[in-house]
C-alpha atoms as a PDB file:
ATOM      1  CA  MET A   1       5.249  36.090 -71.375  1.00  0.00           C
ATOM      2  CA  ALA A   2       6.946  33.198 -69.647  1.00  0.00           C
ATOM      3  CA  LEU A   3       9.220  34.296 -66.823  1.00  0.00           C
ATOM      4  CA  GLY A   4      12.788  33.084 -66.681  1.00  0.00           C
ATOM      5  CA  PHE A   5      13.896  30.625 -64.040  1.00  0.00           C
ATOM      6  CA  ALA A   6      15.843  33.216 -62.063  1.00  0.00           C
ATOM      7  CA  SER A   7      13.147  35.904 -61.856  1.00  0.00           C
ATOM      8  CA  LEU A   8      10.301  33.587 -60.846  1.00  0.00           C
ATOM      9  CA  ALA A   9      12.488  31.659 -58.431  1.00  0.00           C
ATOM     10  CA  LEU A  10      13.593  34.936 -56.801  1.00  0.00           C
ATOM     11  CA  SER A  11      10.014  36.053 -56.201  1.00  0.00           C
ATOM     12  CA  LEU A  12       9.093  32.674 -54.724  1.00  0.00           C
ATOM     13  CA  VAL A  13      12.119  32.624 -52.430  1.00  0.00           C
ATOM     14  CA  LEU A  14      11.320  36.124 -51.158  1.00  0.00           C
ATOM     15  CA  ALA A  15       7.638  35.273 -50.673  1.00  0.00           C
ATOM     16  CA  ALA A  16       8.400  32.008 -48.926  1.00  0.00           C
ATOM     17  CA  GLY A  17      11.050  33.581 -46.744  1.00  0.00           C
ATOM     18  CA  THR A  18       8.725  36.268 -45.414  1.00  0.00           C
ATOM     19  CA  ALA A  19       5.506  34.263 -45.406  1.00  0.00           C
ATOM     20  CA  SER A  20       3.619  33.380 -42.272  1.00  0.00           C
ATOM     21  CA  PRO A  21       3.681  29.658 -41.425  1.00  0.00           C
ATOM     22  CA  VAL A  22      -0.116  29.824 -41.681  1.00  0.00           C
ATOM     23  CA  TYR A  23      -1.238  29.406 -45.288  1.00  0.00           C
ATOM     24  CA  THR A  24      -4.257  31.601 -45.972  1.00  0.00           C
ATOM     25  CA  VAL A  25      -6.523  30.757 -48.873  1.00  0.00           C
ATOM     26  CA  ALA A  26      -9.444  32.946 -49.956  1.00  0.00           C
ATOM     27  CA  ILE A  27     -12.387  31.115 -51.503  1.00  0.00           C
ATOM     28  CA  ASP A  28     -15.035  33.080 -53.360  1.00  0.00           C
ATOM     29  CA  PRO A  29     -18.386  31.291 -53.742  1.00  0.00           C
ATOM     30  CA  GLY A  30     -19.587  32.780 -57.020  1.00  0.00           C
ATOM     31  CA  HIS A  31     -22.837  34.740 -57.325  1.00  0.00           C
ATOM     32  CA  GLY A  32     -25.162  35.289 -54.364  1.00  0.00           C
ATOM     33  CA  GLY A  33     -28.310  37.217 -53.501  1.00  0.00           C
ATOM     34  CA  SER A  34     -30.090  38.535 -56.569  1.00  0.00           C
ATOM     35  CA  ASN A  35     -27.241  37.263 -58.762  1.00  0.00           C
ATOM     36  CA  ARG A  36     -28.430  33.668 -58.763  1.00  0.00           C
ATOM     37  CA  GLY A  37     -26.194  32.249 -61.478  1.00  0.00           C
ATOM     38  CA  ALA A  38     -27.210  29.268 -63.586  1.00  0.00           C
ATOM     39  CA  PRO A  39     -30.376  27.380 -62.616  1.00  0.00           C
ATOM     40  CA  THR A  40     -30.254  23.731 -61.622  1.00  0.00           C
ATOM     41  CA  LYS A  41     -32.784  21.009 -62.339  1.00  0.00           C
ATOM     42  CA  LYS A  42     -34.069  21.398 -58.776  1.00  0.00           C
ATOM     43  CA  ALA A  43     -36.679  24.116 -58.376  1.00  0.00           C
ATOM     44  CA  GLY A  44     -35.444  27.066 -56.337  1.00  0.00           C
ATOM     45  CA  THR A  45     -31.804  25.934 -56.369  1.00  0.00           C
ATOM     46  CA  TYR A  46     -29.207  27.875 -58.327  1.00  0.00           C
ATOM     47  CA  GLU A  47     -25.497  28.060 -58.939  1.00  0.00           C
ATOM     48  CA  LYS A  48     -25.163  30.462 -55.982  1.00  0.00           C
ATOM     49  CA  HIS A  49     -26.338  27.711 -53.611  1.00  0.00           C
ATOM     50  CA  LEU A  50     -23.951  25.119 -55.007  1.00  0.00           C
ATOM     51  CA  THR A  51     -20.863  27.336 -54.904  1.00  0.00           C
ATOM     52  CA  LEU A  52     -21.496  28.287 -51.279  1.00  0.00           C
ATOM     53  CA  ALA A  53     -22.102  24.677 -50.268  1.00  0.00           C
ATOM     54  CA  ILE A  54     -18.870  23.493 -51.898  1.00  0.00           C
ATOM     55  CA  ALA A  55     -16.884  26.420 -50.476  1.00  0.00           C
ATOM     56  CA  LYS A  56     -18.037  25.589 -46.955  1.00  0.00           C
ATOM     57  CA  ARG A  57     -17.057  21.955 -47.433  1.00  0.00           C
ATOM     58  CA  VAL A  58     -13.588  22.941 -48.648  1.00  0.00           C
ATOM     59  CA  ALA A  59     -13.201  25.274 -45.671  1.00  0.00           C
ATOM     60  CA  ALA A  60     -14.132  22.505 -43.242  1.00  0.00           C
ATOM     61  CA  MET A  61     -11.683  20.098 -44.865  1.00  0.00           C
ATOM     62  CA  LEU A  62      -8.806  22.580 -44.774  1.00  0.00           C
ATOM     63  CA  LYS A  63      -9.480  23.538 -41.169  1.00  0.00           C
ATOM     64  CA  ALA A  64      -8.674  19.936 -40.295  1.00  0.00           C
ATOM     65  CA  GLU A  65      -5.169  20.524 -41.717  1.00  0.00           C
ATOM     66  CA  ARG A  66      -2.366  22.178 -39.760  1.00  0.00           C
ATOM     67  CA  ASP A  67      -1.437  25.808 -40.416  1.00  0.00           C
ATOM     68  CA  PHE A  68      -4.347  26.657 -42.684  1.00  0.00           C
ATOM     69  CA  LYS A  69      -6.628  29.668 -42.557  1.00  0.00           C
ATOM     70  CA  VAL A  70      -9.631  29.787 -44.881  1.00  0.00           C
ATOM     71  CA  VAL A  71     -11.402  33.045 -45.679  1.00  0.00           C
ATOM     72  CA  LEU A  72     -14.770  32.798 -47.433  1.00  0.00           C
ATOM     73  CA  CYS A  73     -15.566  35.962 -49.369  1.00  0.00           C
ATOM     74  CA  ARG A  74     -19.270  35.150 -49.037  1.00  0.00           C
ATOM     75  CA  THR A  75     -20.726  33.129 -46.170  1.00  0.00           C
ATOM     76  CA  THR A  76     -24.451  33.669 -46.754  1.00  0.00           C
ATOM     77  CA  ASP A  77     -26.818  34.179 -49.671  1.00  0.00           C
ATOM     78  CA  VAL A  78     -25.955  37.829 -50.270  1.00  0.00           C
ATOM     79  CA  LEU A  79     -24.789  39.804 -53.294  1.00  0.00           C
ATOM     80  CA  VAL A  80     -21.128  40.768 -52.872  1.00  0.00           C
ATOM     81  CA  PRO A  81     -19.646  43.172 -55.466  1.00  0.00           C
ATOM     82  CA  ILE A  82     -16.680  41.919 -57.487  1.00  0.00           C
ATOM     83  CA  ARG A  83     -14.266  44.499 -56.062  1.00  0.00           C
ATOM     84  CA  ALA A  84     -15.344  43.607 -52.522  1.00  0.00           C
ATOM     85  CA  ARG A  85     -14.464  39.967 -53.197  1.00  0.00           C
ATOM     86  CA  VAL A  86     -11.023  41.002 -54.436  1.00  0.00           C
ATOM     87  CA  ARG A  87     -10.553  43.190 -51.347  1.00  0.00           C
ATOM     88  CA  CYS A  88     -11.592  40.237 -49.197  1.00  0.00           C
ATOM     89  CA  ALA A  89      -8.651  38.222 -50.535  1.00  0.00           C
ATOM     90  CA  ASN A  90      -6.146  41.078 -50.495  1.00  0.00           C
ATOM     91  CA  GLU A  91      -6.996  42.237 -46.969  1.00  0.00           C
ATOM     92  CA  ALA A  92      -6.687  38.662 -45.721  1.00  0.00           C
ATOM     93  CA  ARG A  93      -3.191  38.556 -47.284  1.00  0.00           C
ATOM     94  CA  ALA A  94      -4.196  35.278 -48.885  1.00  0.00           C
ATOM     95  CA  ARG A  95      -1.588  33.241 -50.708  1.00  0.00           C
ATOM     96  CA  LEU A  96      -4.173  31.813 -53.116  1.00  0.00           C
ATOM     97  CA  PHE A  97      -7.583  32.905 -54.399  1.00  0.00           C
ATOM     98  CA  ILE A  98     -10.174  30.487 -55.789  1.00  0.00           C
ATOM     99  CA  SER A  99     -13.443  31.684 -57.338  1.00  0.00           C
ATOM    100  CA  LEU A 100     -16.005  28.868 -57.511  1.00  0.00           C
ATOM    101  CA  HIS A 101     -18.612  28.654 -60.252  1.00  0.00           C
ATOM    102  CA  ALA A 102     -20.708  26.159 -62.199  1.00  0.00           C
ATOM    103  CA  ASN A 103     -21.504  26.166 -65.885  1.00  0.00           C
ATOM    104  CA  ALA A 104     -24.393  25.946 -68.321  1.00  0.00           C
ATOM    105  CA  ALA A 105     -24.165  25.277 -72.037  1.00  0.00           C
ATOM    106  CA  SER A 106     -24.725  28.138 -74.453  1.00  0.00           C
ATOM    107  CA  ALA A 107     -27.541  28.166 -76.981  1.00  0.00           C
ATOM    108  CA  GLU A 108     -24.990  27.471 -79.710  1.00  0.00           C
ATOM    109  CA  GLU A 109     -23.645  24.423 -77.857  1.00  0.00           C
ATOM    110  CA  GLY A 110     -27.111  23.164 -77.020  1.00  0.00           C
ATOM    111  CA  PRO A 111     -28.499  23.165 -73.465  1.00  0.00           C
ATOM    112  CA  GLY A 112     -27.656  19.976 -71.604  1.00  0.00           C
ATOM    113  CA  THR A 113     -25.116  18.746 -74.151  1.00  0.00           C
ATOM    114  CA  GLN A 114     -21.930  19.737 -72.318  1.00  0.00           C
ATOM    115  CA  ARG A 115     -20.241  18.368 -69.223  1.00  0.00           C
ATOM    116  CA  GLY A 116     -16.954  18.644 -67.363  1.00  0.00           C
ATOM    117  CA  PHE A 117     -14.878  21.114 -65.379  1.00  0.00           C
ATOM    118  CA  THR A 118     -12.964  24.128 -66.701  1.00  0.00           C
ATOM    119  CA  LEU A 119     -10.259  26.298 -65.143  1.00  0.00           C
ATOM    120  CA  PHE A 120      -9.566  29.928 -66.001  1.00  0.00           C
ATOM    121  CA  VAL A 121      -6.623  32.248 -65.430  1.00  0.00           C
ATOM    122  CA  LEU A 122      -6.097  35.796 -66.659  1.00  0.00           C
ATOM    123  CA  PRO A 123      -5.021  36.105 -70.292  1.00  0.00           C
ATOM    124  CA  VAL A 124      -1.683  37.680 -71.171  1.00  0.00           C
ATOM    125  CA  GLU A 125      -3.224  40.979 -72.252  1.00  0.00           C
ATOM    126  CA  GLU A 126      -5.002  41.403 -68.910  1.00  0.00           C
ATOM    127  CA  VAL A 127      -1.790  40.644 -67.038  1.00  0.00           C
ATOM    128  CA  ASP A 128      -0.063  43.314 -69.117  1.00  0.00           C
ATOM    129  CA  LYS A 129      -2.801  45.806 -68.180  1.00  0.00           C
ATOM    130  CA  GLU A 130      -2.317  44.955 -64.513  1.00  0.00           C
ATOM    131  CA  VAL A 131       1.436  45.492 -64.852  1.00  0.00           C
ATOM    132  CA  ALA A 132       0.748  48.934 -66.344  1.00  0.00           C
ATOM    133  CA  ARG A 133      -1.711  49.742 -63.547  1.00  0.00           C
ATOM    134  CA  VAL A 134       0.675  48.924 -60.704  1.00  0.00           C
ATOM    135  CA  ALA A 135       3.479  50.800 -62.471  1.00  0.00           C
ATOM    136  CA  LEU A 136       1.369  53.970 -62.454  1.00  0.00           C
ATOM    137  CA  LEU A 137       0.907  53.650 -58.694  1.00  0.00           C
ATOM    138  CA  ALA A 138       4.624  53.147 -58.000  1.00  0.00           C
ATOM    139  CA  ALA A 139       6.785  55.869 -56.488  1.00  0.00           C
ATOM    140  CA  ASP A 140       9.700  55.386 -58.887  1.00  0.00           C
ATOM    141  CA  ASP A 141      10.980  53.215 -61.717  1.00  0.00           C
ATOM    142  CA  SER A 142      12.562  50.584 -59.489  1.00  0.00           C
ATOM    143  CA  GLU A 143       9.372  50.173 -57.476  1.00  0.00           C
ATOM    144  CA  ALA A 144       7.383  49.992 -60.711  1.00  0.00           C
ATOM    145  CA  ALA A 145       9.673  47.265 -62.056  1.00  0.00           C
ATOM    146  CA  TRP A 146       9.371  45.210 -58.880  1.00  0.00           C
ATOM    147  CA  ALA A 147       5.598  45.650 -58.720  1.00  0.00           C
ATOM    148  CA  GLY A 148       5.291  44.555 -62.332  1.00  0.00           C
ATOM    149  CA  HIS A 149       7.507  41.559 -61.684  1.00  0.00           C
ATOM    150  CA  LYS A 150       5.276  40.456 -58.804  1.00  0.00           C
ATOM    151  CA  VAL A 151       2.196  40.682 -61.036  1.00  0.00           C
ATOM    152  CA  ARG A 152       3.828  38.516 -63.706  1.00  0.00           C
ATOM    153  CA  ALA A 153       5.109  36.049 -61.119  1.00  0.00           C
ATOM    154  CA  ALA A 154       1.594  35.757 -59.649  1.00  0.00           C
ATOM    155  CA  ALA A 155       0.249  35.111 -63.147  1.00  0.00           C
ATOM    156  CA  GLU A 156       2.698  32.242 -63.634  1.00  0.00           C
ATOM    157  CA  GLN A 157       1.824  30.870 -60.203  1.00  0.00           C
ATOM    158  CA  SER A 158      -1.874  31.094 -61.121  1.00  0.00           C
ATOM    159  CA  LEU A 159      -1.192  28.834 -64.072  1.00  0.00           C
ATOM    160  CA  ALA A 160       0.721  26.400 -61.852  1.00  0.00           C
ATOM    161  CA  ALA A 161      -2.190  26.400 -59.389  1.00  0.00           C
ATOM    162  CA  ALA A 162      -4.680  25.774 -62.203  1.00  0.00           C
ATOM    163  CA  ARG A 163      -2.630  22.811 -63.386  1.00  0.00           C
ATOM    164  CA  ARG A 164      -2.605  21.285 -59.911  1.00  0.00           C
ATOM    165  CA  ILE A 165      -6.368  21.748 -59.523  1.00  0.00           C
ATOM    166  CA  GLN A 166      -6.846  20.291 -62.993  1.00  0.00           C
ATOM    167  CA  TRP A 167      -4.835  17.208 -62.041  1.00  0.00           C
ATOM    168  CA  ARG A 168      -6.785  16.648 -58.821  1.00  0.00           C
ATOM    169  CA  PHE A 169     -10.161  17.181 -60.493  1.00  0.00           C
ATOM    170  CA  ALA A 170      -9.322  14.848 -63.375  1.00  0.00           C
ATOM    171  CA  ASP A 171      -8.190  12.197 -60.913  1.00  0.00           C
ATOM    172  CA  ALA A 172     -11.419  12.531 -58.925  1.00  0.00           C
ATOM    173  CA  MET A 173     -13.955  12.974 -61.701  1.00  0.00           C
ATOM    174  CA  GLY A 174     -12.349  11.423 -64.739  1.00  0.00           C
ATOM    175  CA  ARG A 175     -10.022  12.600 -67.486  1.00  0.00           C
ATOM    176  CA  ASP A 176     -12.964  12.742 -69.857  1.00  0.00           C
ATOM    177  CA  ARG A 177     -14.418  15.579 -67.749  1.00  0.00           C
ATOM    178  CA  ASP A 178     -11.333  17.790 -68.195  1.00  0.00           C
ATOM    179  CA  ARG A 179     -12.156  20.738 -70.471  1.00  0.00           C
ATOM    180  CA  GLY A 180      -8.771  22.308 -69.887  1.00  0.00           C
ATOM    181  CA  ILE A 181      -7.259  25.566 -68.662  1.00  0.00           C
ATOM    182  CA  ARG A 182      -8.459  28.636 -70.529  1.00  0.00           C
ATOM    183  CA  GLN A 183      -7.824  32.341 -70.666  1.00  0.00           C
ATOM    184  CA  ALA A 184     -11.056  33.311 -72.428  1.00  0.00           C
ATOM    185  CA  GLY A 185     -14.677  32.221 -72.476  1.00  0.00           C
ATOM    186  CA  ALA A 186     -15.684  33.498 -69.040  1.00  0.00           C
ATOM    187  CA  THR A 187     -15.917  36.849 -67.281  1.00  0.00           C
ATOM    188  CA  LEU A 188     -12.582  37.072 -65.476  1.00  0.00           C
ATOM    189  CA  ASP A 189     -12.802  40.471 -63.767  1.00  0.00           C
ATOM    190  CA  ILE A 190     -12.856  38.623 -60.429  1.00  0.00           C
ATOM    191  CA  LEU A 191      -9.190  37.752 -61.068  1.00  0.00           C
ATOM    192  CA  GLN A 192      -8.135  41.366 -61.673  1.00  0.00           C
ATOM    193  CA  GLY A 193      -6.443  43.371 -58.934  1.00  0.00           C
ATOM    194  CA  LEU A 194      -5.451  40.380 -56.808  1.00  0.00           C
ATOM    195  CA  ASP A 195      -2.218  40.449 -54.807  1.00  0.00           C
ATOM    196  CA  MET A 196      -1.865  36.675 -55.091  1.00  0.00           C
ATOM    197  CA  PRO A 197      -2.351  33.880 -57.646  1.00  0.00           C
ATOM    198  CA  GLY A 198      -5.980  33.380 -58.621  1.00  0.00           C
ATOM    199  CA  VAL A 199      -7.968  30.717 -60.453  1.00  0.00           C
ATOM    200  CA  LEU A 200     -11.625  30.622 -61.480  1.00  0.00           C
ATOM    201  CA  VAL A 201     -13.027  27.083 -61.301  1.00  0.00           C
ATOM    202  CA  GLU A 202     -16.141  25.938 -63.174  1.00  0.00           C
ATOM    203  CA  VAL A 203     -16.955  22.643 -61.451  1.00  0.00           C
ATOM    204  CA  GLY A 204     -19.399  21.263 -64.015  1.00  0.00           C
ATOM    205  CA  PHE A 205     -22.568  21.841 -66.047  1.00  0.00           C
ATOM    206  CA  LEU A 206     -25.763  22.316 -64.103  1.00  0.00           C
ATOM    207  CA  ASP A 207     -27.961  21.858 -67.177  1.00  0.00           C
ATOM    208  CA  ASN A 208     -26.527  18.440 -67.957  1.00  0.00           C
ATOM    209  CA  ASP A 209     -29.011  15.873 -66.656  1.00  0.00           C
ATOM    210  CA  GLU A 210     -26.404  13.514 -65.228  1.00  0.00           C
ATOM    211  CA  GLU A 211     -23.726  15.941 -64.077  1.00  0.00           C
ATOM    212  CA  GLY A 212     -26.094  18.623 -62.861  1.00  0.00           C
ATOM    213  CA  ALA A 213     -27.990  16.150 -60.691  1.00  0.00           C
ATOM    214  CA  TYR A 214     -24.771  14.652 -59.323  1.00  0.00           C
ATOM    215  CA  LEU A 215     -23.418  18.067 -58.288  1.00  0.00           C
ATOM    216  CA  LEU A 216     -26.484  18.540 -56.095  1.00  0.00           C
ATOM    217  CA  THR A 217     -25.840  15.333 -54.153  1.00  0.00           C
ATOM    218  CA  ASP A 218     -23.814  15.027 -50.987  1.00  0.00           C
ATOM    219  CA  GLU A 219     -21.417  12.659 -52.738  1.00  0.00           C
ATOM    220  CA  GLY A 220     -20.921  14.972 -55.697  1.00  0.00           C
ATOM    221  CA  GLN A 221     -20.233  18.047 -53.596  1.00  0.00           C
ATOM    222  CA  ARG A 222     -17.942  16.096 -51.291  1.00  0.00           C
ATOM    223  CA  LYS A 223     -15.939  14.776 -54.240  1.00  0.00           C
ATOM    224  CA  VAL A 224     -15.490  18.246 -55.748  1.00  0.00           C
ATOM    225  CA  ALA A 225     -14.589  19.765 -52.391  1.00  0.00           C
ATOM    226  CA  ARG A 226     -12.091  16.994 -51.602  1.00  0.00           C
ATOM    227  CA  ALA A 227     -10.357  17.403 -54.952  1.00  0.00           C
ATOM    228  CA  LEU A 228     -10.078  21.162 -54.489  1.00  0.00           C
ATOM    229  CA  ALA A 229      -8.918  20.860 -50.873  1.00  0.00           C
ATOM    230  CA  ASP A 230      -6.279  18.309 -51.872  1.00  0.00           C
ATOM    231  CA  ALA A 231      -5.031  20.603 -54.636  1.00  0.00           C
ATOM    232  CA  ILE A 232      -4.727  23.489 -52.162  1.00  0.00           C
ATOM    233  CA  VAL A 233      -2.796  21.294 -49.731  1.00  0.00           C
ATOM    234  CA  ASP A 234      -0.507  20.316 -52.621  1.00  0.00           C
ATOM    235  CA  LEU A 235       0.105  23.982 -53.441  1.00  0.00           C
ATOM    236  CA  ARG A 236       0.924  24.799 -49.818  1.00  0.00           C
ATOM    237  CA  GLY A 237       3.449  21.946 -49.859  1.00  0.00           C
ATOM    238  CA  ARG A 238       4.908  23.279 -53.096  1.00  0.00           C
ATOM    239  CA  GLU A 239       5.398  26.698 -51.516  1.00  0.00           C
ATOM    240  CA  ARG A 240       7.123  25.176 -48.502  1.00  0.00           C
ATOM    241  CA  ARG A 241       9.453  23.150 -50.703  1.00  0.00           C
ATOM    242  CA  ALA A 242      10.370  26.356 -52.519  1.00  0.00           C
ATOM    243  CA  ARG A 243      12.145  27.535 -49.389  1.00  0.00           C
ATOM    244  CA  LYS A 244      14.610  24.684 -49.702  1.00  0.00           C
ATOM    245  CA  GLU A 245      14.531  24.117 -53.472  1.00  0.00           C
ATOM    246  CA  PRO A 246      13.421  27.352 -55.186  1.00  0.00           C
ATOM    247  CA  MET A 247      13.865  25.993 -58.723  1.00  0.00           C
ATOM    248  CA  ILE A 248      11.217  23.322 -58.083  1.00  0.00           C
ATOM    249  CA  THR A 249       8.513  25.942 -58.624  1.00  0.00           C
ATOM    250  CA  ALA A 250      10.001  27.630 -61.684  1.00  0.00           C
ATOM    251  CA  PRO A 251       8.288  26.833 -65.003  1.00  0.00           C
ATOM    252  CA  ARG A 252      10.081  24.687 -67.538  1.00  0.00           C
ATOM    253  CA  PRO A 253      10.816  26.340 -70.890  1.00  0.00           C
ATOM    254  CA  GLY A 254       7.640  26.611 -72.948  1.00  0.00           C
ATOM    255  CA  GLN A 255       5.325  26.471 -69.921  1.00  0.00           C
ATOM    256  CA  GLY A 256       4.603  30.175 -69.533  1.00  0.00           C
ATOM    257  CA  LEU A 257       1.209  31.768 -70.012  1.00  0.00           C
ATOM    258  CA  SER A 258       1.832  32.532 -73.657  1.00  0.00           C
ATOM    259  CA  HIS A 259       2.314  28.825 -74.334  1.00  0.00           C
ATOM    260  CA  GLU A 260      -0.802  27.529 -72.588  1.00  0.00           C
ATOM    261  CA  LYS A 261      -3.133  25.875 -75.060  1.00  0.00           C
ATOM    262  CA  ALA A 262      -6.860  25.904 -74.409  1.00  0.00           C
ATOM    263  CA  LYS A 263      -8.300  22.417 -74.528  1.00  0.00           C
ATOM    264  CA  ARG A 264     -11.897  21.837 -75.493  1.00  0.00           C
ATOM    265  CA  ARG A 265     -13.844  18.607 -75.422  1.00  0.00           C
END
């Protein structure tokens, strides 16, 4: 479902031309409250604690940058419904949505045997469902076509955002930790209904003795947060450059969602 140069470039030019100079990013610390997520090796500490800690670090780093606004869709240890997290991003008129998570190996893989970060974007079939949904809400055919175009453009931009985060994470944590960009293998309903590009980030495996312990350290969380913050700054710069050079953000032939290959290590 790769978009052509002209259609994606048009959507980016329009978005950039009407966008506020303040770049708003919504960060969703996964889990919370009774939804604890994966356990860590430290008693009483779960995935929900790690995602919130990293999210707060990213927010602090971005607040030191000019023209950034960070919205955290969870700021305390509470259970926030999926749709409320999506509304959080949409009502903030965010330009990017990041859902933070950590991983644990399946029984088939073998607990503790896996390591590395993984990025997820919506699969093509879910994007198609979203296009159909917004078309039903449109007043007429032209509005339906434009709404569908924006959904597909956001899907392509999600993939571009995932690639930038992937590059920053691999640079910070090592290419051998890169498990790739995927469109299956995780529950991705958090990425449905967004008005902006969205990426789900699994920062590492909590049940891996080495990686899980490192993610609980100040150094480990700072490294993850710095890589994510740098990627977000890169994406803001990319959007700004689109105002002057719109084709810089258009995908090259063969780089659409339908061509993305899942990489597994």
